[in-house]
PDB file of all heavy atoms in Angstrom:
ATOM      1  N   PRO A   1      19.164   0.623   4.345  1.00  0.00           N
ATOM      2  CA  PRO A   1      19.249   0.410   5.797  1.00  0.00           C
ATOM      3  C   PRO A   1      18.708  -0.964   6.164  1.00  0.00           C
ATOM      4  O   PRO A   1      17.859  -1.520   5.453  1.00  0.00           O
ATOM      5  CB  PRO A   1      18.381   1.527   6.379  1.00  0.00           C
ATOM      6  CG  PRO A   1      17.449   1.906   5.268  1.00  0.00           C
ATOM      7  CD  PRO A   1      18.224   1.709   3.993  1.00  0.00           C
ATOM      8  N   ARG A   2      19.205  -1.505   7.248  1.00  0.00           N
ATOM      9  CA  ARG A   2      18.759  -2.830   7.695  1.00  0.00           C
ATOM     10  C   ARG A   2      17.330  -2.747   8.230  1.00  0.00           C
ATOM     11  O   ARG A   2      17.006  -1.867   9.035  1.00  0.00           O
ATOM     12  CB  ARG A   2      19.694  -3.357   8.788  1.00  0.00           C
ATOM     13  CG  ARG A   2      19.389  -4.800   9.215  1.00  0.00           C
ATOM     14  CD  ARG A   2      20.315  -5.206  10.350  1.00  0.00           C
ATOM     15  NE  ARG A   2      21.710  -5.143   9.954  1.00  0.00           N
ATOM     16  CZ  ARG A   2      22.380  -6.135   9.373  1.00  0.00           C
ATOM     17  NH1 ARG A   2      21.764  -7.283   9.129  1.00  0.00           N
ATOM     18  NH2 ARG A   2      23.646  -5.991   9.052  1.00  0.00           N
ATOM     19  N   SER A   3      16.490  -3.646   7.791  1.00  0.00           N
ATOM     20  CA  SER A   3      15.107  -3.683   8.254  1.00  0.00           C
ATOM     21  C   SER A   3      14.977  -4.625   9.450  1.00  0.00           C
ATOM     22  O   SER A   3      15.945  -5.269   9.865  1.00  0.00           O
ATOM     23  CB  SER A   3      14.181  -4.131   7.123  1.00  0.00           C
ATOM     24  OG  SER A   3      14.512  -5.447   6.707  1.00  0.00           O
ATOM     25  N   LYS A   4      13.778  -4.695   9.984  1.00  0.00           N
ATOM     26  CA  LYS A   4      13.530  -5.625  11.083  1.00  0.00           C
ATOM     27  C   LYS A   4      12.153  -6.254  10.901  1.00  0.00           C
ATOM     28  O   LYS A   4      11.272  -5.696  10.233  1.00  0.00           O
ATOM     29  CB  LYS A   4      13.609  -4.930  12.439  1.00  0.00           C
ATOM     30  CG  LYS A   4      12.477  -3.984  12.766  1.00  0.00           C
ATOM     31  CD  LYS A   4      12.655  -3.384  14.161  1.00  0.00           C
ATOM     32  CE  LYS A   4      11.451  -2.564  14.604  1.00  0.00           C
ATOM     33  NZ  LYS A   4      11.204  -1.391  13.777  1.00  0.00           N
ATOM     34  N   VAL A   5      11.957  -7.428  11.490  1.00  0.00           N
ATOM     35  CA  VAL A   5      10.676  -8.116  11.418  1.00  0.00           C
ATOM     36  C   VAL A   5      10.187  -8.398  12.827  1.00  0.00           C
ATOM     37  O   VAL A   5      10.979  -8.708  13.726  1.00  0.00           O
ATOM     38  CB  VAL A   5      10.787  -9.425  10.592  1.00  0.00           C
ATOM     39  CG1 VAL A   5      11.728 -10.428  11.245  1.00  0.00           C
ATOM     40  CG2 VAL A   5       9.412 -10.051  10.383  1.00  0.00           C
ATOM     41  N   THR A   6       8.886  -8.248  13.023  1.00  0.00           N
ATOM     42  CA  THR A   6       8.267  -8.480  14.326  1.00  0.00           C
ATOM     43  C   THR A   6       7.077  -9.405  14.149  1.00  0.00           C
ATOM     44  O   THR A   6       6.272  -9.232  13.223  1.00  0.00           O
ATOM     45  CB  THR A   6       7.803  -7.160  14.962  1.00  0.00           C
ATOM     46  OG1 THR A   6       8.917  -6.287  15.112  1.00  0.00           O
ATOM     47  CG2 THR A   6       7.166  -7.399  16.320  1.00  0.00           C
ATOM     48  N   PHE A   7       6.963 -10.387  15.029  1.00  0.00           N
ATOM     49  CA  PHE A   7       5.840 -11.318  15.030  1.00  0.00           C
ATOM     50  C   PHE A   7       5.036 -11.085  16.310  1.00  0.00           C
ATOM     51  O   PHE A   7       5.579 -11.211  17.412  1.00  0.00           O
ATOM     52  CB  PHE A   7       6.321 -12.771  14.993  1.00  0.00           C
ATOM     53  CG  PHE A   7       7.210 -13.098  13.827  1.00  0.00           C
ATOM     54  CD1 PHE A   7       8.586 -12.956  13.931  1.00  0.00           C
ATOM     55  CD2 PHE A   7       6.678 -13.552  12.632  1.00  0.00           C
ATOM     56  CE1 PHE A   7       9.424 -13.261  12.873  1.00  0.00           C
ATOM     57  CE2 PHE A   7       7.502 -13.860  11.558  1.00  0.00           C
ATOM     58  CZ  PHE A   7       8.872 -13.714  11.684  1.00  0.00           C
ATOM     59  N   GLU A   8       3.753 -10.768  16.163  1.00  0.00           N
ATOM     60  CA  GLU A   8       2.865 -10.601  17.307  1.00  0.00           C
ATOM     61  C   GLU A   8       1.894 -11.767  17.345  1.00  0.00           C
ATOM     62  O   GLU A   8       1.226 -12.059  16.352  1.00  0.00           O
ATOM     63  CB  GLU A   8       2.109  -9.274  17.207  1.00  0.00           C
ATOM     64  CG  GLU A   8       3.022  -8.054  17.292  1.00  0.00           C
ATOM     65  CD  GLU A   8       2.263  -6.746  17.254  1.00  0.00           C
ATOM     66  OE1 GLU A   8       1.054  -6.777  16.943  1.00  0.00           O
ATOM     67  OE2 GLU A   8       2.877  -5.697  17.532  1.00  0.00           O
ATOM     68  N   ILE A   9       1.825 -12.444  18.485  1.00  0.00           N
ATOM     69  CA  ILE A   9       1.047 -13.666  18.639  1.00  0.00           C
ATOM     70  C   ILE A   9      -0.080 -13.416  19.638  1.00  0.00           C
ATOM     71  O   ILE A   9       0.172 -13.021  20.775  1.00  0.00           O
ATOM     72  CB  ILE A   9       1.941 -14.822  19.131  1.00  0.00           C
ATOM     73  CG1 ILE A   9       3.098 -15.058  18.144  1.00  0.00           C
ATOM     74  CG2 ILE A   9       1.125 -16.088  19.344  1.00  0.00           C
ATOM     75  CD1 ILE A   9       4.156 -15.997  18.672  1.00  0.00           C
ATOM     76  N   GLU A  10      -1.321 -13.652  19.209  1.00  0.00           N
ATOM     77  CA  GLU A  10      -2.476 -13.405  20.070  1.00  0.00           C
ATOM     78  C   GLU A  10      -3.444 -14.586  19.994  1.00  0.00           C
ATOM     79  O   GLU A  10      -4.052 -14.807  18.940  1.00  0.00           O
ATOM     80  CB  GLU A  10      -3.207 -12.135  19.637  1.00  0.00           C
ATOM     81  CG  GLU A  10      -2.373 -10.870  19.607  1.00  0.00           C
ATOM     82  CD  GLU A  10      -3.150  -9.706  19.025  1.00  0.00           C
ATOM     83  OE1 GLU A  10      -4.239  -9.398  19.567  1.00  0.00           O
ATOM     84  OE2 GLU A  10      -2.698  -9.126  18.018  1.00  0.00           O
ATOM     85  N   PRO A  11      -3.601 -15.361  21.062  1.00  0.00           N
ATOM     86  CA  PRO A  11      -4.595 -16.437  21.060  1.00  0.00           C
ATOM     87  C   PRO A  11      -6.000 -15.876  20.885  1.00  0.00           C
ATOM     88  O   PRO A  11      -6.363 -14.879  21.508  1.00  0.00           O
ATOM     89  CB  PRO A  11      -4.431 -17.073  22.447  1.00  0.00           C
ATOM     90  CG  PRO A  11      -3.037 -16.709  22.865  1.00  0.00           C
ATOM     91  CD  PRO A  11      -2.800 -15.335  22.298  1.00  0.00           C
ATOM     92  N   ARG A  12      -6.770 -16.500  20.014  1.00  0.00           N
ATOM     93  CA  ARG A  12      -8.157 -16.118  19.769  1.00  0.00           C
ATOM     94  C   ARG A  12      -9.017 -17.383  19.781  1.00  0.00           C
ATOM     95  O   ARG A  12      -9.340 -17.939  18.734  1.00  0.00           O
ATOM     96  CB  ARG A  12      -8.301 -15.388  18.427  1.00  0.00           C
ATOM     97  CG  ARG A  12      -7.570 -14.053  18.345  1.00  0.00           C
ATOM     98  CD  ARG A  12      -8.253 -12.995  19.215  1.00  0.00           C
ATOM     99  NE  ARG A  12      -7.585 -11.712  19.138  1.00  0.00           N
ATOM    100  CZ  ARG A  12      -7.879 -10.775  18.240  1.00  0.00           C
ATOM    101  NH1 ARG A  12      -8.796 -10.999  17.324  1.00  0.00           N
ATOM    102  NH2 ARG A  12      -7.245  -9.610  18.256  1.00  0.00           N
ATOM    103  N   GLY A  13      -9.372 -17.849  20.960  1.00  0.00           N
ATOM    104  CA  GLY A  13     -10.135 -19.083  21.069  1.00  0.00           C
ATOM    105  C   GLY A  13      -9.306 -20.254  20.565  1.00  0.00           C
ATOM    106  O   GLY A  13      -8.160 -20.435  20.988  1.00  0.00           O
ATOM    107  N   PRO A  14      -9.853 -21.051  19.623  1.00  0.00           N
ATOM    108  CA  PRO A  14      -9.086 -22.188  19.100  1.00  0.00           C
ATOM    109  C   PRO A  14      -8.019 -21.777  18.089  1.00  0.00           C
ATOM    110  O   PRO A  14      -7.230 -22.611  17.655  1.00  0.00           O
ATOM    111  CB  PRO A  14     -10.160 -23.042  18.422  1.00  0.00           C
ATOM    112  CG  PRO A  14     -11.190 -22.043  17.981  1.00  0.00           C
ATOM    113  CD  PRO A  14     -11.216 -20.992  19.065  1.00  0.00           C
ATOM    114  N   LEU A  15      -7.999 -20.517  17.720  1.00  0.00           N
ATOM    115  CA  LEU A  15      -7.047 -20.028  16.733  1.00  0.00           C
ATOM    116  C   LEU A  15      -6.006 -19.128  17.387  1.00  0.00           C
ATOM    117  O   LEU A  15      -6.141 -18.726  18.538  1.00  0.00           O
ATOM    118  CB  LEU A  15      -7.772 -19.229  15.637  1.00  0.00           C
ATOM    119  CG  LEU A  15      -8.910 -19.940  14.909  1.00  0.00           C
ATOM    120  CD1 LEU A  15      -9.579 -18.985  13.933  1.00  0.00           C
ATOM    121  CD2 LEU A  15      -8.406 -21.183  14.186  1.00  0.00           C
ATOM    122  N   VAL A  16      -4.963 -18.839  16.626  1.00  0.00           N
ATOM    123  CA  VAL A  16      -3.960 -17.870  17.043  1.00  0.00           C
ATOM    124  C   VAL A  16      -3.830 -16.839  15.934  1.00  0.00           C
ATOM    125  O   VAL A  16      -3.650 -17.191  14.767  1.00  0.00           O
ATOM    126  CB  VAL A  16      -2.596 -18.532  17.313  1.00  0.00           C
ATOM    127  CG1 VAL A  16      -1.558 -17.473  17.660  1.00  0.00           C
ATOM    128  CG2 VAL A  16      -2.698 -19.537  18.450  1.00  0.00           C
ATOM    129  N   LYS A  17      -3.942 -15.574  16.308  1.00  0.00           N
ATOM    130  CA  LYS A  17      -3.758 -14.488  15.361  1.00  0.00           C
ATOM    131  C   LYS A  17      -2.272 -14.153  15.295  1.00  0.00           C
ATOM    132  O   LYS A  17      -1.655 -13.830  16.305  1.00  0.00           O
ATOM    133  CB  LYS A  17      -4.547 -13.252  15.790  1.00  0.00           C
ATOM    134  CG  LYS A  17      -4.360 -12.044  14.882  1.00  0.00           C
ATOM    135  CD  LYS A  17      -5.106 -10.827  15.433  1.00  0.00           C
ATOM    136  CE  LYS A  17      -4.881  -9.590  14.580  1.00  0.00           C
ATOM    137  NZ  LYS A  17      -5.544  -8.394  15.141  1.00  0.00           N
ATOM    138  N   LEU A  18      -1.712 -14.248  14.101  1.00  0.00           N
ATOM    139  CA  LEU A  18      -0.302 -13.908  13.887  1.00  0.00           C
ATOM    140  C   LEU A  18      -0.230 -12.672  13.009  1.00  0.00           C
ATOM    141  O   LEU A  18      -0.724 -12.673  11.885  1.00  0.00           O
ATOM    142  CB  LEU A  18       0.445 -15.058  13.219  1.00  0.00           C
ATOM    143  CG  LEU A  18       1.893 -14.750  12.798  1.00  0.00           C
ATOM    144  CD1 LEU A  18       2.770 -14.444  14.004  1.00  0.00           C
ATOM    145  CD2 LEU A  18       2.481 -15.890  11.970  1.00  0.00           C
ATOM    146  N   THR A  19       0.395 -11.617  13.528  1.00  0.00           N
ATOM    147  CA  THR A  19       0.630 -10.412  12.755  1.00  0.00           C
ATOM    148  C   THR A  19       2.126 -10.273  12.518  1.00  0.00           C
ATOM    149  O   THR A  19       2.915 -10.323  13.466  1.00  0.00           O
ATOM    150  CB  THR A  19       0.110  -9.160  13.491  1.00  0.00           C
ATOM    151  OG1 THR A  19      -1.298  -9.304  13.725  1.00  0.00           O
ATOM    152  CG2 THR A  19       0.344  -7.907  12.662  1.00  0.00           C
ATOM    153  N   VAL A  20       2.506 -10.134  11.257  1.00  0.00           N
ATOM    154  CA  VAL A  20       3.903  -9.973  10.878  1.00  0.00           C
ATOM    155  C   VAL A  20       4.101  -8.533  10.428  1.00  0.00           C
ATOM    156  O   VAL A  20       3.416  -8.068   9.512  1.00  0.00           O
ATOM    157  CB  VAL A  20       4.297 -10.950   9.750  1.00  0.00           C
ATOM    158  CG1 VAL A  20       5.759 -10.747   9.354  1.00  0.00           C
ATOM    159  CG2 VAL A  20       4.054 -12.387  10.186  1.00  0.00           C
ATOM    160  N   ILE A  21       5.023  -7.844  11.068  1.00  0.00           N
ATOM    161  CA  ILE A  21       5.335  -6.450  10.745  1.00  0.00           C
ATOM    162  C   ILE A  21       6.792  -6.393  10.296  1.00  0.00           C
ATOM    163  O   ILE A  21       7.703  -6.645  11.085  1.00  0.00           O
ATOM    164  CB  ILE A  21       5.134  -5.533  11.957  1.00  0.00           C
ATOM    165  CG1 ILE A  21       3.746  -5.731  12.565  1.00  0.00           C
ATOM    166  CG2 ILE A  21       5.371  -4.068  11.580  1.00  0.00           C
ATOM    167  CD1 ILE A  21       3.652  -5.318  14.007  1.00  0.00           C
ATOM    168  N   HIS A  22       7.003  -6.086   9.041  1.00  0.00           N
ATOM    169  CA  HIS A  22       8.364  -5.968   8.516  1.00  0.00           C
ATOM    170  C   HIS A  22       8.543  -4.501   8.138  1.00  0.00           C
ATOM    171  O   HIS A  22       7.895  -4.008   7.214  1.00  0.00           O
ATOM    172  CB  HIS A  22       8.557  -6.869   7.298  1.00  0.00           C
ATOM    173  CG  HIS A  22       9.989  -7.167   7.004  1.00  0.00           C
ATOM    174  ND1 HIS A  22      10.414  -8.362   6.451  1.00  0.00           N
ATOM    175  CD2 HIS A  22      11.110  -6.435   7.191  1.00  0.00           C
ATOM    176  CE1 HIS A  22      11.740  -8.339   6.315  1.00  0.00           C
ATOM    177  NE2 HIS A  22      12.173  -7.168   6.750  1.00  0.00           N
ATOM    178  N   ASP A  23       9.398  -3.780   8.875  1.00  0.00           N
ATOM    179  CA  ASP A  23       9.526  -2.351   8.648  1.00  0.00           C
ATOM    180  C   ASP A  23      10.988  -1.919   8.687  1.00  0.00           C
ATOM    181  O   ASP A  23      11.891  -2.750   8.765  1.00  0.00           O
ATOM    182  CB  ASP A  23       8.684  -1.561   9.653  1.00  0.00           C
ATOM    183  CG  ASP A  23       9.050  -1.854  11.106  1.00  0.00           C
ATOM    184  OD1 ASP A  23      10.049  -2.559  11.344  1.00  0.00           O
ATOM    185  OD2 ASP A  23       8.344  -1.371  12.008  1.00  0.00           O
ATOM    186  N   GLY A  24      11.186  -0.607   8.606  1.00  0.00           N
ATOM    187  CA  GLY A  24      12.537  -0.068   8.548  1.00  0.00           C
ATOM    188  C   GLY A  24      13.020   0.165   7.138  1.00  0.00           C
ATOM    189  O   GLY A  24      14.206   0.417   6.915  1.00  0.00           O
ATOM    190  N   PHE A  25      12.105   0.080   6.156  1.00  0.00           N
ATOM    191  CA  PHE A  25      12.463   0.283   4.760  1.00  0.00           C
ATOM    192  C   PHE A  25      12.402   1.767   4.402  1.00  0.00           C
ATOM    193  O   PHE A  25      11.673   2.540   5.021  1.00  0.00           O
ATOM    194  CB  PHE A  25      11.508  -0.479   3.837  1.00  0.00           C
ATOM    195  CG  PHE A  25      11.462  -1.955   4.082  1.00  0.00           C
ATOM    196  CD1 PHE A  25      10.392  -2.527   4.753  1.00  0.00           C
ATOM    197  CD2 PHE A  25      12.483  -2.773   3.638  1.00  0.00           C
ATOM    198  CE1 PHE A  25      10.337  -3.893   4.975  1.00  0.00           C
ATOM    199  CE2 PHE A  25      12.441  -4.146   3.853  1.00  0.00           C
ATOM    200  CZ  PHE A  25      11.372  -4.699   4.527  1.00  0.00           C
ATOM    201  N   GLU A  26      13.133   2.137   3.391  1.00  0.00           N
ATOM    202  CA  GLU A  26      13.022   3.469   2.831  1.00  0.00           C
ATOM    203  C   GLU A  26      12.134   3.407   1.597  1.00  0.00           C
ATOM    204  O   GLU A  26      11.973   2.331   0.988  1.00  0.00           O
ATOM    205  CB  GLU A  26      14.404   4.024   2.471  1.00  0.00           C
ATOM    206  CG  GLU A  26      15.190   3.147   1.510  1.00  0.00           C
ATOM    207  CD  GLU A  26      16.613   3.627   1.308  1.00  0.00           C
ATOM    208  OE1 GLU A  26      17.070   4.489   2.067  1.00  0.00           O
ATOM    209  OE2 GLU A  26      17.267   3.123   0.363  1.00  0.00           O
ATOM    210  N   PRO A  27      11.510   4.521   1.182  1.00  0.00           N
ATOM    211  CA  PRO A  27      10.663   4.506  -0.022  1.00  0.00           C
ATOM    212  C   PRO A  27      11.429   3.978  -1.231  1.00  0.00           C
ATOM    213  O   PRO A  27      12.598   4.311  -1.443  1.00  0.00           O
ATOM    214  CB  PRO A  27      10.292   5.983  -0.192  1.00  0.00           C
ATOM    215  CG  PRO A  27      10.344   6.539   1.199  1.00  0.00           C
ATOM    216  CD  PRO A  27      11.495   5.835   1.861  1.00  0.00           C
ATOM    217  N   GLY A  28      10.761   3.140  -2.010  1.00  0.00           N
ATOM    218  CA  GLY A  28      11.390   2.565  -3.190  1.00  0.00           C
ATOM    219  C   GLY A  28      12.346   1.440  -2.892  1.00  0.00           C
ATOM    220  O   GLY A  28      13.136   1.037  -3.766  1.00  0.00           O
ATOM    221  N   SER A  29      12.288   0.885  -1.693  1.00  0.00           N
ATOM    222  CA  SER A  29      13.230  -0.153  -1.261  1.00  0.00           C
ATOM    223  C   SER A  29      13.151  -1.410  -2.136  1.00  0.00           C
ATOM    224  O   SER A  29      12.080  -1.947  -2.400  1.00  0.00           O
ATOM    225  CB  SER A  29      12.944  -0.528   0.194  1.00  0.00           C
ATOM    226  OG  SER A  29      13.603  -1.706   0.562  1.00  0.00           O
ATOM    227  N   THR A  30      14.323  -1.894  -2.566  1.00  0.00           N
ATOM    228  CA  THR A  30      14.394  -3.165  -3.294  1.00  0.00           C
ATOM    229  C   THR A  30      14.046  -4.322  -2.372  1.00  0.00           C
ATOM    230  O   THR A  30      13.350  -5.262  -2.763  1.00  0.00           O
ATOM    231  CB  THR A  30      15.799  -3.355  -3.874  1.00  0.00           C
ATOM    232  OG1 THR A  30      16.089  -2.307  -4.793  1.00  0.00           O
ATOM    233  CG2 THR A  30      15.918  -4.693  -4.601  1.00  0.00           C
ATOM    234  N   ALA A  31      14.536  -4.263  -1.133  1.00  0.00           N
ATOM    235  CA  ALA A  31      14.262  -5.334  -0.170  1.00  0.00           C
ATOM    236  C   ALA A  31      12.776  -5.442   0.123  1.00  0.00           C
ATOM    237  O   ALA A  31      12.240  -6.543   0.247  1.00  0.00           O
ATOM    238  CB  ALA A  31      15.042  -5.092   1.120  1.00  0.00           C
ATOM    239  N   LEU A  32      12.088  -4.305   0.222  1.00  0.00           N
ATOM    240  CA  LEU A  32      10.647  -4.332   0.483  1.00  0.00           C
ATOM    241  C   LEU A  32       9.918  -5.044  -0.640  1.00  0.00           C
ATOM    242  O   LEU A  32       9.009  -5.841  -0.399  1.00  0.00           O
ATOM    243  CB  LEU A  32      10.124  -2.907   0.649  1.00  0.00           C
ATOM    244  CG  LEU A  32       8.610  -2.760   0.821  1.00  0.00           C
ATOM    245  CD1 LEU A  32       8.121  -3.562   2.013  1.00  0.00           C
ATOM    246  CD2 LEU A  32       8.226  -1.293   0.970  1.00  0.00           C
ATOM    247  N   GLY A  33      10.304  -4.778  -1.877  1.00  0.00           N
ATOM    248  CA  GLY A  33       9.677  -5.466  -2.991  1.00  0.00           C
ATOM    249  C   GLY A  33       9.858  -6.972  -2.916  1.00  0.00           C
ATOM    250  O   GLY A  33       8.958  -7.738  -3.241  1.00  0.00           O
ATOM    251  N   MET A  34      11.028  -7.394  -2.457  1.00  0.00           N
ATOM    252  CA  MET A  34      11.301  -8.827  -2.366  1.00  0.00           C
ATOM    253  C   MET A  34      10.512  -9.484  -1.240  1.00  0.00           C
ATOM    254  O   MET A  34       9.934 -10.557  -1.425  1.00  0.00           O
ATOM    255  CB  MET A  34      12.806  -9.046  -2.182  1.00  0.00           C
ATOM    256  CG  MET A  34      13.630  -8.633  -3.398  1.00  0.00           C
ATOM    257  SD  MET A  34      15.416  -8.753  -3.145  1.00  0.00           S
ATOM    258  CE  MET A  34      15.621 -10.530  -3.029  1.00  0.00           C
ATOM    259  N   VAL A  35      10.473  -8.858  -0.060  1.00  0.00           N
ATOM    260  CA  VAL A  35       9.756  -9.481   1.052  1.00  0.00           C
ATOM    261  C   VAL A  35       8.250  -9.414   0.830  1.00  0.00           C
ATOM    262  O   VAL A  35       7.517 -10.313   1.270  1.00  0.00           O
ATOM    263  CB  VAL A  35      10.131  -8.843   2.406  1.00  0.00           C
ATOM    264  CG1 VAL A  35      11.619  -8.967   2.667  1.00  0.00           C
ATOM    265  CG2 VAL A  35       9.702  -7.389   2.500  1.00  0.00           C
ATOM    266  N   ARG A  36       7.772  -8.380   0.117  1.00  0.00           N
ATOM    267  CA  ARG A  36       6.346  -8.297  -0.189  1.00  0.00           C
ATOM    268  C   ARG A  36       5.905  -9.491  -1.021  1.00  0.00           C
ATOM    269  O   ARG A  36       4.799  -9.996  -0.871  1.00  0.00           O
ATOM    270  CB  ARG A  36       6.052  -6.986  -0.938  1.00  0.00           C
ATOM    271  CG  ARG A  36       4.584  -6.810  -1.308  1.00  0.00           C
ATOM    272  CD  ARG A  36       4.383  -5.515  -2.069  1.00  0.00           C
ATOM    273  NE  ARG A  36       4.558  -4.379  -1.183  1.00  0.00           N
ATOM    274  CZ  ARG A  36       5.228  -3.284  -1.493  1.00  0.00           C
ATOM    275  NH1 ARG A  36       5.817  -3.188  -2.662  1.00  0.00           N
ATOM    276  NH2 ARG A  36       5.312  -2.288  -0.645  1.00  0.00           N
ATOM    277  N   GLU A  37       6.774  -9.957  -1.890  1.00  0.00           N
ATOM    278  CA  GLU A  37       6.448 -11.122  -2.717  1.00  0.00           C
ATOM    279  C   GLU A  37       6.576 -12.425  -1.934  1.00  0.00           C
ATOM    280  O   GLU A  37       5.806 -13.363  -2.146  1.00  0.00           O
ATOM    281  CB  GLU A  37       7.383 -11.157  -3.926  1.00  0.00           C
ATOM    282  CG  GLU A  37       7.110 -12.314  -4.871  1.00  0.00           C
ATOM    283  CD  GLU A  37       8.038 -12.328  -6.058  1.00  0.00           C
ATOM    284  OE1 GLU A  37       8.720 -11.300  -6.299  1.00  0.00           O
ATOM    285  OE2 GLU A  37       8.096 -13.355  -6.749  1.00  0.00           O
ATOM    286  N   GLY A  38       7.535 -12.469  -1.017  1.00  0.00           N
ATOM    287  CA  GLY A  38       7.807 -13.721  -0.327  1.00  0.00           C
ATOM    288  C   GLY A  38       6.946 -14.018   0.878  1.00  0.00           C
ATOM    289  O   GLY A  38       6.584 -15.174   1.121  1.00  0.00           O
ATOM    290  N   TRP A  39       6.583 -12.970   1.657  1.00  0.00           N
ATOM    291  CA  TRP A  39       5.875 -13.225   2.907  1.00  0.00           C
ATOM    292  C   TRP A  39       4.529 -13.937   2.737  1.00  0.00           C
ATOM    293  O   TRP A  39       4.213 -14.845   3.522  1.00  0.00           O
ATOM    294  CB  TRP A  39       5.681 -11.927   3.683  1.00  0.00           C
ATOM    295  CG  TRP A  39       6.810 -11.539   4.600  1.00  0.00           C
ATOM    296  CD1 TRP A  39       7.544 -10.396   4.555  1.00  0.00           C
ATOM    297  CD2 TRP A  39       7.342 -12.301   5.696  1.00  0.00           C
ATOM    298  NE1 TRP A  39       8.505 -10.388   5.554  1.00  0.00           N
ATOM    299  CE2 TRP A  39       8.394 -11.547   6.269  1.00  0.00           C
ATOM    300  CE3 TRP A  39       7.030 -13.539   6.234  1.00  0.00           C
ATOM    301  CZ2 TRP A  39       9.132 -12.002   7.355  1.00  0.00           C
ATOM    302  CZ3 TRP A  39       7.763 -13.999   7.324  1.00  0.00           C
ATOM    303  CH2 TRP A  39       8.798 -13.239   7.876  1.00  0.00           C
ATOM    304  N   PRO A  40       3.672 -13.582   1.775  1.00  0.00           N
ATOM    305  CA  PRO A  40       2.380 -14.266   1.684  1.00  0.00           C
ATOM    306  C   PRO A  40       2.515 -15.778   1.527  1.00  0.00           C
ATOM    307  O   PRO A  40       1.822 -16.552   2.190  1.00  0.00           O
ATOM    308  CB  PRO A  40       1.738 -13.631   0.442  1.00  0.00           C
ATOM    309  CG  PRO A  40       2.368 -12.281   0.357  1.00  0.00           C
ATOM    310  CD  PRO A  40       3.787 -12.484   0.783  1.00  0.00           C
ATOM    311  N   ARG A  41       3.424 -16.224   0.660  1.00  0.00           N
ATOM    312  CA  ARG A  41       3.587 -17.663   0.464  1.00  0.00           C
ATOM    313  C   ARG A  41       4.259 -18.302   1.681  1.00  0.00           C
ATOM    314  O   ARG A  41       3.951 -19.433   2.055  1.00  0.00           O
ATOM    315  CB  ARG A  41       4.401 -17.926  -0.805  1.00  0.00           C
ATOM    316  CG  ARG A  41       3.680 -17.525  -2.085  1.00  0.00           C
ATOM    317  CD  ARG A  41       4.496 -17.861  -3.321  1.00  0.00           C
ATOM    318  NE  ARG A  41       3.796 -17.508  -4.537  1.00  0.00           N
ATOM    319  CZ  ARG A  41       3.890 -16.340  -5.135  1.00  0.00           C
ATOM    320  NH1 ARG A  41       4.679 -15.407  -4.625  1.00  0.00           N
ATOM    321  NH2 ARG A  41       3.217 -16.086  -6.242  1.00  0.00           N
ATOM    322  N   LEU A  42       5.178 -17.576   2.292  1.00  0.00           N
ATOM    323  CA  LEU A  42       5.841 -18.105   3.480  1.00  0.00           C
ATOM    324  C   LEU A  42       4.825 -18.341   4.597  1.00  0.00           C
ATOM    325  O   LEU A  42       4.826 -19.393   5.256  1.00  0.00           O
ATOM    326  CB  LEU A  42       6.930 -17.127   3.933  1.00  0.00           C
ATOM    327  CG  LEU A  42       7.947 -17.618   4.966  1.00  0.00           C
ATOM    328  CD1 LEU A  42       9.238 -16.812   4.837  1.00  0.00           C
ATOM    329  CD2 LEU A  42       7.420 -17.487   6.385  1.00  0.00           C
ATOM    330  N   LEU A  43       3.932 -17.373   4.801  1.00  0.00           N
ATOM    331  CA  LEU A  43       2.913 -17.520   5.833  1.00  0.00           C
ATOM    332  C   LEU A  43       1.934 -18.631   5.493  1.00  0.00           C
ATOM    333  O   LEU A  43       1.442 -19.325   6.380  1.00  0.00           O
ATOM    334  CB  LEU A  43       2.182 -16.195   6.034  1.00  0.00           C
ATOM    335  CG  LEU A  43       3.015 -15.078   6.665  1.00  0.00           C
ATOM    336  CD1 LEU A  43       2.221 -13.784   6.723  1.00  0.00           C
ATOM    337  CD2 LEU A  43       3.492 -15.471   8.052  1.00  0.00           C
ATOM    338  N   SER A  44       1.644 -18.802   4.204  1.00  0.00           N
ATOM    339  CA  SER A  44       0.802 -19.928   3.799  1.00  0.00           C
ATOM    340  C   SER A  44       1.476 -21.244   4.151  1.00  0.00           C
ATOM    341  O   SER A  44       0.835 -22.196   4.603  1.00  0.00           O
ATOM    342  CB  SER A  44       0.520 -19.869   2.295  1.00  0.00           C
ATOM    343  OG  SER A  44      -0.285 -18.775   1.966  1.00  0.00           O
TER     344      SER A  44
END
């Protein structure tokens, strides 16, 4: 099934808190395994 990604942006003083929620996966999803590997470096 097609997944979706959500970005939540919250100012915290001089910083901004960014929360990335990627959901809509089924258990054992191949796509989830791929985005789990990619998102940390992408956010870096």
